[in-house]
């Protein structure tokens, strides 16, 4: 699985955010994290890394072509959910056995 950072979470916007919403979130985060703002004591590597993540997220999400490519990568990196069911062990085996098999829909009086 490819490790893709979630730029939407970094900027605090939804996946359906417009370019204007992305720009607004970026500017607000840059104002709050900027080292020249009053109240900022020491500017260390942690704050610098956070600023770089914010800038990278904006760089990708603000450009429509990069954003489409990023969304494809994000969809490819999402885990695929496979339905499983637990089948009880038969015989003298110790503990329950879990078999991963495709789920077959069964018909009967309960359906």
PDB file of N, CA and C in Angstrom:
ATOM      1  N   UNK A   1       0.824  -1.162   0.000  1.00  0.00           N
ATOM      2  CA  UNK A   1       0.000   0.000   0.000  1.00  0.00           C
ATOM      3  C   UNK A   1       0.880   1.240   0.000  1.00  0.00           C
ATOM      4  N   UNK A   2       0.495   2.222  -0.773  1.00  0.00           N
ATOM      5  CA  UNK A   2       1.234   3.462  -0.885  1.00  0.00           C
ATOM      6  C   UNK A   2       0.824   4.377   0.259  1.00  0.00           C
ATOM      7  N   UNK A   3       1.829   4.978   0.916  1.00  0.00           N
ATOM      8  CA  UNK A   3       1.552   5.890   2.014  1.00  0.00           C
ATOM      9  C   UNK A   3       1.350   7.289   1.450  1.00  0.00           C
ATOM     10  N   UNK A   4       0.092   7.727   1.375  1.00  0.00           N
ATOM     11  CA  UNK A   4      -0.255   9.030   0.815  1.00  0.00           C
ATOM     12  C   UNK A   4      -0.746   9.915   1.952  1.00  0.00           C
ATOM     13  N   UNK A   5      -0.118  11.084   2.167  1.00  0.00           N
ATOM     14  CA  UNK A   5      -0.605  11.968   3.230  1.00  0.00           C
ATOM     15  C   UNK A   5      -1.984  12.517   2.881  1.00  0.00           C
ATOM     16  N   UNK A   6      -2.782  12.776   3.885  1.00  0.00           N
ATOM     17  CA  UNK A   6      -4.131  13.300   3.662  1.00  0.00           C
ATOM     18  C   UNK A   6      -4.081  14.823   3.701  1.00  0.00           C
ATOM     19  N   UNK A   7      -3.945  15.434   2.535  1.00  0.00           N
ATOM     20  CA  UNK A   7      -3.833  16.885   2.436  1.00  0.00           C
ATOM     21  C   UNK A   7      -5.136  17.582   2.824  1.00  0.00           C
ATOM     22  N   UNK A   8      -6.258  16.924   2.627  1.00  0.00           N
ATOM     23  CA  UNK A   8      -7.529  17.522   3.017  1.00  0.00           C
ATOM     24  C   UNK A   8      -7.586  17.722   4.538  1.00  0.00           C
ATOM     25  N   UNK A   9      -7.101  16.744   5.285  1.00  0.00           N
ATOM     26  CA  UNK A   9      -7.081  16.853   6.735  1.00  0.00           C
ATOM     27  C   UNK A   9      -6.083  17.914   7.187  1.00  0.00           C
ATOM     28  N   UNK A  10      -4.948  17.980   6.518  1.00  0.00           N
ATOM     29  CA  UNK A  10      -3.932  18.970   6.883  1.00  0.00           C
ATOM     30  C   UNK A  10      -4.501  20.377   6.763  1.00  0.00           C
ATOM     31  N   UNK A  11      -5.238  20.648   5.679  1.00  0.00           N
ATOM     32  CA  UNK A  11      -5.820  21.978   5.490  1.00  0.00           C
ATOM     33  C   UNK A  11      -7.150  22.143   6.219  1.00  0.00           C
ATOM     34  N   UNK A  12      -7.732  21.046   6.670  1.00  0.00           N
ATOM     35  CA  UNK A  12      -8.990  21.118   7.389  1.00  0.00           C
ATOM     36  C   UNK A  12     -10.180  21.414   6.491  1.00  0.00           C
ATOM     37  N   UNK A  13     -10.158  20.890   5.275  1.00  0.00           N
ATOM     38  CA  UNK A  13     -11.261  21.084   4.341  1.00  0.00           C
ATOM     39  C   UNK A  13     -11.819  19.722   3.931  1.00  0.00           C
ATOM     40  N   UNK A  14     -13.010  19.727   3.375  1.00  0.00           N
ATOM     41  CA  UNK A  14     -13.618  18.494   2.894  1.00  0.00           C
ATOM     42  C   UNK A  14     -13.108  18.125   1.513  1.00  0.00           C
ATOM     43  N   UNK A  15     -13.383  16.907   1.101  1.00  0.00           N
ATOM     44  CA  UNK A  15     -12.917  16.441  -0.216  1.00  0.00           C
ATOM     45  C   UNK A  15     -13.621  17.148  -1.362  1.00  0.00           C
ATOM     46  N   UNK A  16     -14.746  17.774  -1.086  1.00  0.00           N
ATOM     47  CA  UNK A  16     -15.467  18.500  -2.131  1.00  0.00           C
ATOM     48  C   UNK A  16     -15.247  20.010  -2.047  1.00  0.00           C
ATOM     49  N   UNK A  17     -14.173  20.431  -1.370  1.00  0.00           N
ATOM     50  CA  UNK A  17     -13.890  21.860  -1.182  1.00  0.00           C
ATOM     51  C   UNK A  17     -13.545  22.528  -2.513  1.00  0.00           C
ATOM     52  N   UNK A  18     -13.958  23.787  -2.639  1.00  0.00           N
ATOM     53  CA  UNK A  18     -13.641  24.563  -3.839  1.00  0.00           C
ATOM     54  C   UNK A  18     -12.242  25.149  -3.698  1.00  0.00           C
ATOM     55  N   UNK A  19     -11.733  25.688  -4.800  1.00  0.00           N
ATOM     56  CA  UNK A  19     -10.407  26.316  -4.762  1.00  0.00           C
ATOM     57  C   UNK A  19     -10.402  27.496  -3.802  1.00  0.00           C
ATOM     58  N   UNK A  20     -11.517  28.218  -3.740  1.00  0.00           N
ATOM     59  CA  UNK A  20     -11.612  29.364  -2.849  1.00  0.00           C
ATOM     60  C   UNK A  20     -11.563  28.908  -1.381  1.00  0.00           C
ATOM     61  N   UNK A  21     -12.251  27.833  -1.052  1.00  0.00           N
ATOM     62  CA  UNK A  21     -12.214  27.307   0.319  1.00  0.00           C
ATOM     63  C   UNK A  21     -10.818  26.811   0.681  1.00  0.00           C
ATOM     64  N   UNK A  22     -10.140  26.201  -0.275  1.00  0.00           N
ATOM     65  CA  UNK A  22      -8.775  25.725  -0.041  1.00  0.00           C
ATOM     66  C   UNK A  22      -7.844  26.908   0.201  1.00  0.00           C
ATOM     67  N   UNK A  23      -7.982  27.954  -0.593  1.00  0.00           N
ATOM     68  CA  UNK A  23      -7.145  29.152  -0.411  1.00  0.00           C
ATOM     69  C   UNK A  23      -7.404  29.803   0.936  1.00  0.00           C
ATOM     70  N   UNK A  24      -8.664  29.886   1.319  1.00  0.00           N
ATOM     71  CA  UNK A  24      -9.018  30.499   2.599  1.00  0.00           C
ATOM     72  C   UNK A  24      -8.412  29.704   3.760  1.00  0.00           C
ATOM     73  N   UNK A  25      -8.531  28.385   3.720  1.00  0.00           N
ATOM     74  CA  UNK A  25      -7.976  27.541   4.777  1.00  0.00           C
ATOM     75  C   UNK A  25      -6.456  27.655   4.824  1.00  0.00           C
ATOM     76  N   UNK A  26      -5.827  27.710   3.656  1.00  0.00           N
ATOM     77  CA  UNK A  26      -4.368  27.832   3.583  1.00  0.00           C
ATOM     78  C   UNK A  26      -3.909  29.142   4.226  1.00  0.00           C
ATOM     79  N   UNK A  27      -4.553  30.244   3.861  1.00  0.00           N
ATOM     80  CA  UNK A  27      -4.151  31.541   4.413  1.00  0.00           C
ATOM     81  C   UNK A  27      -4.350  31.596   5.929  1.00  0.00           C
ATOM     82  N   UNK A  28      -5.454  31.028   6.398  1.00  0.00           N
ATOM     83  CA  UNK A  28      -5.707  31.023   7.841  1.00  0.00           C
ATOM     84  C   UNK A  28      -4.650  30.204   8.580  1.00  0.00           C
ATOM     85  N   UNK A  29      -4.288  29.047   8.028  1.00  0.00           N
ATOM     86  CA  UNK A  29      -3.259  28.218   8.667  1.00  0.00           C
ATOM     87  C   UNK A  29      -1.891  28.882   8.624  1.00  0.00           C
ATOM     88  N   UNK A  30      -1.574  29.528   7.520  1.00  0.00           N
ATOM     89  CA  UNK A  30      -0.281  30.211   7.417  1.00  0.00           C
ATOM     90  C   UNK A  30      -0.200  31.370   8.413  1.00  0.00           C
ATOM     91  N   UNK A  31      -1.307  32.084   8.587  1.00  0.00           N
ATOM     92  CA  UNK A  31      -1.307  33.175   9.574  1.00  0.00           C
ATOM     93  C   UNK A  31      -1.100  32.631  10.984  1.00  0.00           C
ATOM     94  N   UNK A  32      -1.753  31.526  11.298  1.00  0.00           N
ATOM     95  CA  UNK A  32      -1.650  30.996  12.665  1.00  0.00           C
ATOM     96  C   UNK A  32      -0.328  30.280  12.933  1.00  0.00           C
ATOM     97  N   UNK A  33       0.335  29.764  11.899  1.00  0.00           N
ATOM     98  CA  UNK A  33       1.583  29.028  12.094  1.00  0.00           C
ATOM     99  C   UNK A  33       2.829  29.824  11.722  1.00  0.00           C
ATOM    100  N   UNK A  34       2.664  31.027  11.229  1.00  0.00           N
ATOM    101  CA  UNK A  34       3.821  31.776  10.749  1.00  0.00           C
ATOM    102  C   UNK A  34       4.727  32.175  11.909  1.00  0.00           C
ATOM    103  N   UNK A  35       6.051  32.048  11.729  1.00  0.00           N
ATOM    104  CA  UNK A  35       6.979  32.330  12.831  1.00  0.00           C
ATOM    105  C   UNK A  35       7.055  33.812  13.219  1.00  0.00           C
ATOM    106  N   UNK A  36       6.653  34.712  12.350  1.00  0.00           N
ATOM    107  CA  UNK A  36       6.742  36.142  12.669  1.00  0.00           C
ATOM    108  C   UNK A  36       5.533  36.672  13.433  1.00  0.00           C
ATOM    109  N   UNK A  37       4.539  35.829  13.639  1.00  0.00           N
ATOM    110  CA  UNK A  37       3.346  36.270  14.370  1.00  0.00           C
ATOM    111  C   UNK A  37       3.691  36.476  15.840  1.00  0.00           C
ATOM    112  N   UNK A  38       3.008  37.416  16.465  1.00  0.00           N
ATOM    113  CA  UNK A  38       3.232  37.677  17.883  1.00  0.00           C
ATOM    114  C   UNK A  38       2.866  36.452  18.699  1.00  0.00           C
ATOM    115  N   UNK A  39       3.588  36.254  19.762  1.00  0.00           N
ATOM    116  CA  UNK A  39       3.305  35.125  20.642  1.00  0.00           C
ATOM    117  C   UNK A  39       4.089  33.878  20.288  1.00  0.00           C
ATOM    118  N   UNK A  40       4.732  33.853  19.137  1.00  0.00           N
ATOM    119  CA  UNK A  40       5.545  32.693  18.766  1.00  0.00           C
ATOM    120  C   UNK A  40       6.880  32.809  19.478  1.00  0.00           C
ATOM    121  N   UNK A  41       7.184  31.844  20.306  1.00  0.00           N
ATOM    122  CA  UNK A  41       8.435  31.889  21.052  1.00  0.00           C
ATOM    123  C   UNK A  41       9.581  31.364  20.187  1.00  0.00           C
ATOM    124  N   UNK A  42       9.867  30.111  20.330  1.00  0.00           N
ATOM    125  CA  UNK A  42      10.966  29.497  19.579  1.00  0.00           C
ATOM    126  C   UNK A  42      10.400  28.825  18.340  1.00  0.00           C
ATOM    127  N   UNK A  43      11.079  28.969  17.250  1.00  0.00           N
ATOM    128  CA  UNK A  43      10.655  28.362  15.992  1.00  0.00           C
ATOM    129  C   UNK A  43      11.559  27.176  15.735  1.00  0.00           C
ATOM    130  N   UNK A  44      11.036  25.987  15.932  1.00  0.00           N
ATOM    131  CA  UNK A  44      11.846  24.784  15.809  1.00  0.00           C
ATOM    132  C   UNK A  44      11.513  23.979  14.574  1.00  0.00           C
ATOM    133  N   UNK A  45      12.118  22.800  14.520  1.00  0.00           N
ATOM    134  CA  UNK A  45      11.930  21.909  13.376  1.00  0.00           C
ATOM    135  C   UNK A  45      10.485  21.429  13.261  1.00  0.00           C
ATOM    136  N   UNK A  46       9.819  21.251  14.402  1.00  0.00           N
ATOM    137  CA  UNK A  46       8.444  20.759  14.373  1.00  0.00           C
ATOM    138  C   UNK A  46       7.524  21.768  13.682  1.00  0.00           C
ATOM    139  N   UNK A  47       7.678  23.045  14.029  1.00  0.00           N
ATOM    140  CA  UNK A  47       6.858  24.075  13.396  1.00  0.00           C
ATOM    141  C   UNK A  47       7.199  24.210  11.922  1.00  0.00           C
ATOM    142  N   UNK A  48       8.466  24.078  11.595  1.00  0.00           N
ATOM    143  CA  UNK A  48       8.888  24.168  10.200  1.00  0.00           C
ATOM    144  C   UNK A  48       8.301  23.022   9.381  1.00  0.00           C
ATOM    145  N   UNK A  49       8.298  21.819   9.950  1.00  0.00           N
ATOM    146  CA  UNK A  49       7.711  20.666   9.265  1.00  0.00           C
ATOM    147  C   UNK A  49       6.211  20.868   9.037  1.00  0.00           C
ATOM    148  N   UNK A  50       5.534  21.440  10.028  1.00  0.00           N
ATOM    149  CA  UNK A  50       4.099  21.693   9.887  1.00  0.00           C
ATOM    150  C   UNK A  50       3.836  22.717   8.784  1.00  0.00           C
ATOM    151  N   UNK A  51       4.641  23.763   8.725  1.00  0.00           N
ATOM    152  CA  UNK A  51       4.502  24.759   7.659  1.00  0.00           C
ATOM    153  C   UNK A  51       4.740  24.130   6.290  1.00  0.00           C
ATOM    154  N   UNK A  52       5.735  23.270   6.193  1.00  0.00           N
ATOM    155  CA  UNK A  52       6.022  22.609   4.913  1.00  0.00           C
ATOM    156  C   UNK A  52       4.864  21.697   4.495  1.00  0.00           C
ATOM    157  N   UNK A  53       4.255  20.996   5.460  1.00  0.00           N
ATOM    158  CA  UNK A  53       3.100  20.142   5.144  1.00  0.00           C
ATOM    159  C   UNK A  53       1.929  20.986   4.639  1.00  0.00           C
ATOM    160  N   UNK A  54       1.703  22.132   5.274  1.00  0.00           N
ATOM    161  CA  UNK A  54       0.607  23.017   4.857  1.00  0.00           C
ATOM    162  C   UNK A  54       0.861  23.533   3.449  1.00  0.00           C
ATOM    163  N   UNK A  55       2.093  23.948   3.169  1.00  0.00           N
ATOM    164  CA  UNK A  55       2.416  24.469   1.835  1.00  0.00           C
ATOM    165  C   UNK A  55       2.311  23.380   0.775  1.00  0.00           C
ATOM    166  N   UNK A  56       2.759  22.172   1.097  1.00  0.00           N
ATOM    167  CA  UNK A  56       2.669  21.060   0.146  1.00  0.00           C
ATOM    168  C   UNK A  56       1.211  20.712  -0.141  1.00  0.00           C
ATOM    169  N   UNK A  57       0.383  20.696   0.907  1.00  0.00           N
ATOM    170  CA  UNK A  57      -1.044  20.396   0.728  1.00  0.00           C
ATOM    171  C   UNK A  57      -1.699  21.444  -0.174  1.00  0.00           C
ATOM    172  N   UNK A  58      -1.392  22.703   0.053  1.00  0.00           N
ATOM    173  CA  UNK A  58      -1.966  23.759  -0.779  1.00  0.00           C
ATOM    174  C   UNK A  58      -1.479  23.646  -2.219  1.00  0.00           C
ATOM    175  N   UNK A  59      -0.200  23.364  -2.381  1.00  0.00           N
ATOM    176  CA  UNK A  59       0.389  23.233  -3.713  1.00  0.00           C
ATOM    177  C   UNK A  59      -0.315  22.148  -4.521  1.00  0.00           C
ATOM    178  N   UNK A  60      -0.663  21.053  -3.883  1.00  0.00           N
ATOM    179  CA  UNK A  60      -1.316  19.943  -4.585  1.00  0.00           C
ATOM    180  C   UNK A  60      -2.802  20.211  -4.799  1.00  0.00           C
ATOM    181  N   UNK A  61      -3.493  20.672  -3.760  1.00  0.00           N
ATOM    182  CA  UNK A  61      -4.951  20.797  -3.851  1.00  0.00           C
ATOM    183  C   UNK A  61      -5.416  22.025  -4.622  1.00  0.00           C
ATOM    184  N   UNK A  62      -4.586  23.048  -4.741  1.00  0.00           N
ATOM    185  CA  UNK A  62      -5.018  24.265  -5.433  1.00  0.00           C
ATOM    186  C   UNK A  62      -4.968  24.102  -6.954  1.00  0.00           C
ATOM    187  N   UNK A  63      -4.079  23.259  -7.447  1.00  0.00           N
ATOM    188  CA  UNK A  63      -3.947  23.022  -8.885  1.00  0.00           C
ATOM    189  C   UNK A  63      -4.892  21.887  -9.295  1.00  0.00           C
ATOM    190  N   UNK A  64      -5.822  22.127 -10.227  1.00  0.00           N
ATOM    191  CA  UNK A  64      -6.802  21.087 -10.587  1.00  0.00           C
ATOM    192  C   UNK A  64      -6.176  19.800 -11.130  1.00  0.00           C
ATOM    193  N   UNK A  65      -5.101  19.901 -11.893  1.00  0.00           N
ATOM    194  CA  UNK A  65      -4.474  18.700 -12.456  1.00  0.00           C
ATOM    195  C   UNK A  65      -3.801  17.890 -11.357  1.00  0.00           C
ATOM    196  N   UNK A  66      -3.045  18.559 -10.498  1.00  0.00           N
ATOM    197  CA  UNK A  66      -2.387  17.849  -9.389  1.00  0.00           C
ATOM    198  C   UNK A  66      -3.416  17.262  -8.432  1.00  0.00           C
ATOM    199  N   UNK A  67      -4.497  18.003  -8.209  1.00  0.00           N
ATOM    200  CA  UNK A  67      -5.531  17.514  -7.298  1.00  0.00           C
ATOM    201  C   UNK A  67      -6.200  16.258  -7.847  1.00  0.00           C
ATOM    202  N   UNK A  68      -6.485  16.226  -9.140  1.00  0.00           N
ATOM    203  CA  UNK A  68      -7.097  15.033  -9.743  1.00  0.00           C
ATOM    204  C   UNK A  68      -6.159  13.835  -9.632  1.00  0.00           C
ATOM    205  N   UNK A  69      -4.868  14.060  -9.877  1.00  0.00           N
ATOM    206  CA  UNK A  69      -3.884  12.987  -9.748  1.00  0.00           C
ATOM    207  C   UNK A  69      -3.790  12.508  -8.302  1.00  0.00           C
ATOM    208  N   UNK A  70      -3.802  13.456  -7.363  1.00  0.00           N
ATOM    209  CA  UNK A  70      -3.746  13.118  -5.941  1.00  0.00           C
ATOM    210  C   UNK A  70      -4.976  12.309  -5.520  1.00  0.00           C
ATOM    211  N   UNK A  71      -6.153  12.718  -5.992  1.00  0.00           N
ATOM    212  CA  UNK A  71      -7.373  11.997  -5.654  1.00  0.00           C
ATOM    213  C   UNK A  71      -7.342  10.560  -6.182  1.00  0.00           C
ATOM    214  N   UNK A  72      -6.766  10.371  -7.371  1.00  0.00           N
ATOM    215  CA  UNK A  72      -6.627   9.007  -7.910  1.00  0.00           C
ATOM    216  C   UNK A  72      -5.686   8.186  -7.030  1.00  0.00           C
ATOM    217  N   UNK A  73      -4.565   8.786  -6.609  1.00  0.00           N
ATOM    218  CA  UNK A  73      -3.624   8.071  -5.734  1.00  0.00           C
ATOM    219  C   UNK A  73      -4.273   7.748  -4.395  1.00  0.00           C
ATOM    220  N   UNK A  74      -5.047   8.686  -3.882  1.00  0.00           N
ATOM    221  CA  UNK A  74      -5.708   8.480  -2.595  1.00  0.00           C
ATOM    222  C   UNK A  74      -6.729   7.347  -2.697  1.00  0.00           C
ATOM    223  N   UNK A  75      -7.448   7.290  -3.798  1.00  0.00           N
ATOM    224  CA  UNK A  75      -8.427   6.218  -3.992  1.00  0.00           C
ATOM    225  C   UNK A  75      -7.727   4.864  -4.149  1.00  0.00           C
ATOM    226  N   UNK A  76      -6.574   4.849  -4.806  1.00  0.00           N
ATOM    227  CA  UNK A  76      -5.839   3.599  -4.993  1.00  0.00           C
ATOM    228  C   UNK A  76      -5.223   3.108  -3.685  1.00  0.00           C
ATOM    229  N   UNK A  77      -4.900   4.037  -2.786  1.00  0.00           N
ATOM    230  CA  UNK A  77      -4.274   3.662  -1.521  1.00  0.00           C
ATOM    231  C   UNK A  77      -5.291   3.229  -0.472  1.00  0.00           C
ATOM    232  N   UNK A  78      -6.576   3.480  -0.720  1.00  0.00           N
ATOM    233  CA  UNK A  78      -7.607   3.111   0.247  1.00  0.00           C
ATOM    234  C   UNK A  78      -7.697   1.594   0.335  1.00  0.00           C
ATOM    235  N   UNK A  79      -7.836   1.089   1.542  1.00  0.00           N
ATOM    236  CA  UNK A  79      -7.936  -0.377   1.686  1.00  0.00           C
ATOM    237  C   UNK A  79      -9.232  -0.894   1.076  1.00  0.00           C
ATOM    238  N   UNK A  80      -9.144  -2.070   0.510  1.00  0.00           N
ATOM    239  CA  UNK A  80     -10.317  -2.707  -0.087  1.00  0.00           C
ATOM    240  C   UNK A  80     -10.950  -3.581   0.987  1.00  0.00           C
ATOM    241  N   UNK A  81     -12.219  -3.347   1.245  1.00  0.00           N
ATOM    242  CA  UNK A  81     -12.914  -4.107   2.279  1.00  0.00           C
ATOM    243  C   UNK A  81     -13.454  -5.398   1.662  1.00  0.00           C
ATOM    244  N   UNK A  82     -13.057  -6.514   2.240  1.00  0.00           N
ATOM    245  CA  UNK A  82     -13.518  -7.822   1.786  1.00  0.00           C
ATOM    246  C   UNK A  82     -14.406  -8.399   2.878  1.00  0.00           C
ATOM    247  N   UNK A  83     -15.646  -8.731   2.564  1.00  0.00           N
ATOM    248  CA  UNK A  83     -16.516  -9.287   3.604  1.00  0.00           C
ATOM    249  C   UNK A  83     -16.060 -10.692   3.991  1.00  0.00           C
ATOM    250  N   UNK A  84     -16.053 -10.965   5.286  1.00  0.00           N
ATOM    251  CA  UNK A  84     -15.675 -12.284   5.784  1.00  0.00           C
ATOM    252  C   UNK A  84     -16.731 -12.754   6.774  1.00  0.00           C
ATOM    253  N   UNK A  85     -16.756 -14.042   7.028  1.00  0.00           N
ATOM    254  CA  UNK A  85     -17.632 -14.579   8.053  1.00  0.00           C
ATOM    255  C   UNK A  85     -16.865 -15.605   8.852  1.00  0.00           C
ATOM    256  N   UNK A  86     -17.230 -15.728  10.089  1.00  0.00           N
ATOM    257  CA  UNK A  86     -16.558 -16.660  10.984  1.00  0.00           C
ATOM    258  C   UNK A  86     -17.274 -18.001  10.917  1.00  0.00           C
ATOM    259  N   UNK A  87     -16.488 -19.056  10.715  1.00  0.00           N
ATOM    260  CA  UNK A  87     -17.035 -20.411  10.663  1.00  0.00           C
ATOM    261  C   UNK A  87     -16.505 -21.152  11.876  1.00  0.00           C
ATOM    262  N   UNK A  88     -17.399 -21.703  12.640  1.00  0.00           N
ATOM    263  CA  UNK A  88     -16.985 -22.391  13.868  1.00  0.00           C
ATOM    264  C   UNK A  88     -16.178 -23.643  13.524  1.00  0.00           C
ATOM    265  N   UNK A  89     -15.191 -23.909  14.358  1.00  0.00           N
ATOM    266  CA  UNK A  89     -14.347 -25.079  14.164  1.00  0.00           C
ATOM    267  C   UNK A  89     -15.112 -26.373  14.386  1.00  0.00           C
ATOM    268  N   UNK A  90     -14.786 -27.371  13.601  1.00  0.00           N
ATOM    269  CA  UNK A  90     -15.441 -28.668  13.708  1.00  0.00           C
ATOM    270  C   UNK A  90     -14.446 -29.637  14.327  1.00  0.00           C
ATOM    271  N   UNK A  91     -14.911 -30.456  15.232  1.00  0.00           N
ATOM    272  CA  UNK A  91     -14.048 -31.478  15.803  1.00  0.00           C
ATOM    273  C   UNK A  91     -13.338 -30.995  17.053  1.00  0.00           C
ATOM    274  N   UNK A  92     -12.190 -31.576  17.306  1.00  0.00           N
ATOM    275  CA  UNK A  92     -11.463 -31.334  18.546  1.00  0.00           C
ATOM    276  C   UNK A  92     -10.381 -30.268  18.391  1.00  0.00           C
ATOM    277  N   UNK A  93     -10.555 -29.338  17.501  1.00  0.00           N
ATOM    278  CA  UNK A  93      -9.549 -28.296  17.343  1.00  0.00           C
ATOM    279  C   UNK A  93      -9.672 -27.296  18.488  1.00  0.00           C
ATOM    280  N   UNK A  94      -8.541 -26.786  18.899  1.00  0.00           N
ATOM    281  CA  UNK A  94      -8.570 -25.840  20.010  1.00  0.00           C
ATOM    282  C   UNK A  94      -8.769 -24.425  19.479  1.00  0.00           C
ATOM    283  N   UNK A  95      -9.747 -23.746  20.015  1.00  0.00           N
ATOM    284  CA  UNK A  95      -9.989 -22.357  19.639  1.00  0.00           C
ATOM    285  C   UNK A  95     -10.766 -22.231  18.342  1.00  0.00           C
ATOM    286  N   UNK A  96     -11.336 -21.052  18.127  1.00  0.00           N
ATOM    287  CA  UNK A  96     -12.110 -20.829  16.903  1.00  0.00           C
ATOM    288  C   UNK A  96     -11.197 -20.641  15.689  1.00  0.00           C
ATOM    289  N   UNK A  97     -11.692 -21.049  14.553  1.00  0.00           N
ATOM    290  CA  UNK A  97     -10.961 -20.889  13.298  1.00  0.00           C
ATOM    291  C   UNK A  97     -11.679 -19.834  12.482  1.00  0.00           C
ATOM    292  N   UNK A  98     -10.933 -18.962  11.899  1.00  0.00           N
ATOM    293  CA  UNK A  98     -11.533 -17.960  11.022  1.00  0.00           C
ATOM    294  C   UNK A  98     -11.048 -18.245   9.614  1.00  0.00           C
ATOM    295  N   UNK A  99     -11.978 -18.521   8.726  1.00  0.00           N
ATOM    296  CA  UNK A  99     -11.657 -18.740   7.325  1.00  0.00           C
ATOM    297  C   UNK A  99     -12.090 -17.520   6.542  1.00  0.00           C
ATOM    298  N   UNK A 100     -11.227 -17.019   5.698  1.00  0.00           N
ATOM    299  CA  UNK A 100     -11.574 -15.882   4.863  1.00  0.00           C
ATOM    300  C   UNK A 100     -11.986 -16.427   3.508  1.00  0.00           C
ATOM    301  N   UNK A 101     -13.266 -16.314   3.230  1.00  0.00           N
ATOM    302  CA  UNK A 101     -13.806 -16.789   1.963  1.00  0.00           C
ATOM    303  C   UNK A 101     -14.776 -15.743   1.434  1.00  0.00           C
ATOM    304  N   UNK A 102     -15.052 -15.767   0.158  1.00  0.00           N
ATOM    305  CA  UNK A 102     -16.073 -14.846  -0.349  1.00  0.00           C
ATOM    306  C   UNK A 102     -17.421 -15.156   0.292  1.00  0.00           C
ATOM    307  N   UNK A 103     -18.174 -14.140   0.551  1.00  0.00           N
ATOM    308  CA  UNK A 103     -19.494 -14.327   1.165  1.00  0.00           C
ATOM    309  C   UNK A 103     -20.477 -14.734   0.086  1.00  0.00           C
ATOM    310  N   UNK A 104     -21.161 -15.835   0.313  1.00  0.00           N
ATOM    311  CA  UNK A 104     -22.202 -16.279  -0.601  1.00  0.00           C
ATOM    312  C   UNK A 104     -23.533 -15.993   0.054  1.00  0.00           C
ATOM    313  N   UNK A 105     -24.362 -15.289  -0.643  1.00  0.00           N
ATOM    314  CA  UNK A 105     -25.675 -14.981  -0.099  1.00  0.00           C
ATOM    315  C   UNK A 105     -26.543 -16.214  -0.208  1.00  0.00           C
ATOM    316  N   UNK A 106     -27.110 -16.602   0.892  1.00  0.00           N
ATOM    317  CA  UNK A 106     -27.919 -17.798   0.936  1.00  0.00           C
ATOM    318  C   UNK A 106     -29.395 -17.413   0.992  1.00  0.00           C
ATOM    319  N   UNK A 107     -30.216 -18.234   0.392  1.00  0.00           N
ATOM    320  CA  UNK A 107     -31.656 -17.988   0.465  1.00  0.00           C
ATOM    321  C   UNK A 107     -32.271 -19.032   1.373  1.00  0.00           C
ATOM    322  N   UNK A 108     -33.383 -18.696   1.935  1.00  0.00           N
ATOM    323  CA  UNK A 108     -34.078 -19.612   2.831  1.00  0.00           C
ATOM    324  C   UNK A 108     -35.243 -18.920   3.467  1.00  0.00           C
ATOM    325  N   UNK A 109     -35.834 -19.563   4.450  1.00  0.00           N
ATOM    326  CA  UNK A 109     -37.016 -18.973   5.080  1.00  0.00           C
ATOM    327  C   UNK A 109     -36.681 -17.704   5.872  1.00  0.00           C
ATOM    328  N   UNK A 110     -35.422 -17.470   6.227  1.00  0.00           N
ATOM    329  CA  UNK A 110     -35.018 -16.302   7.009  1.00  0.00           C
ATOM    330  C   UNK A 110     -34.835 -15.061   6.155  1.00  0.00           C
ATOM    331  N   UNK A 111     -34.801 -15.199   4.823  1.00  0.00           N
ATOM    332  CA  UNK A 111     -34.549 -14.026   3.966  1.00  0.00           C
ATOM    333  C   UNK A 111     -35.814 -13.353   3.523  1.00  0.00           C
TER     334      UNK A 111
END
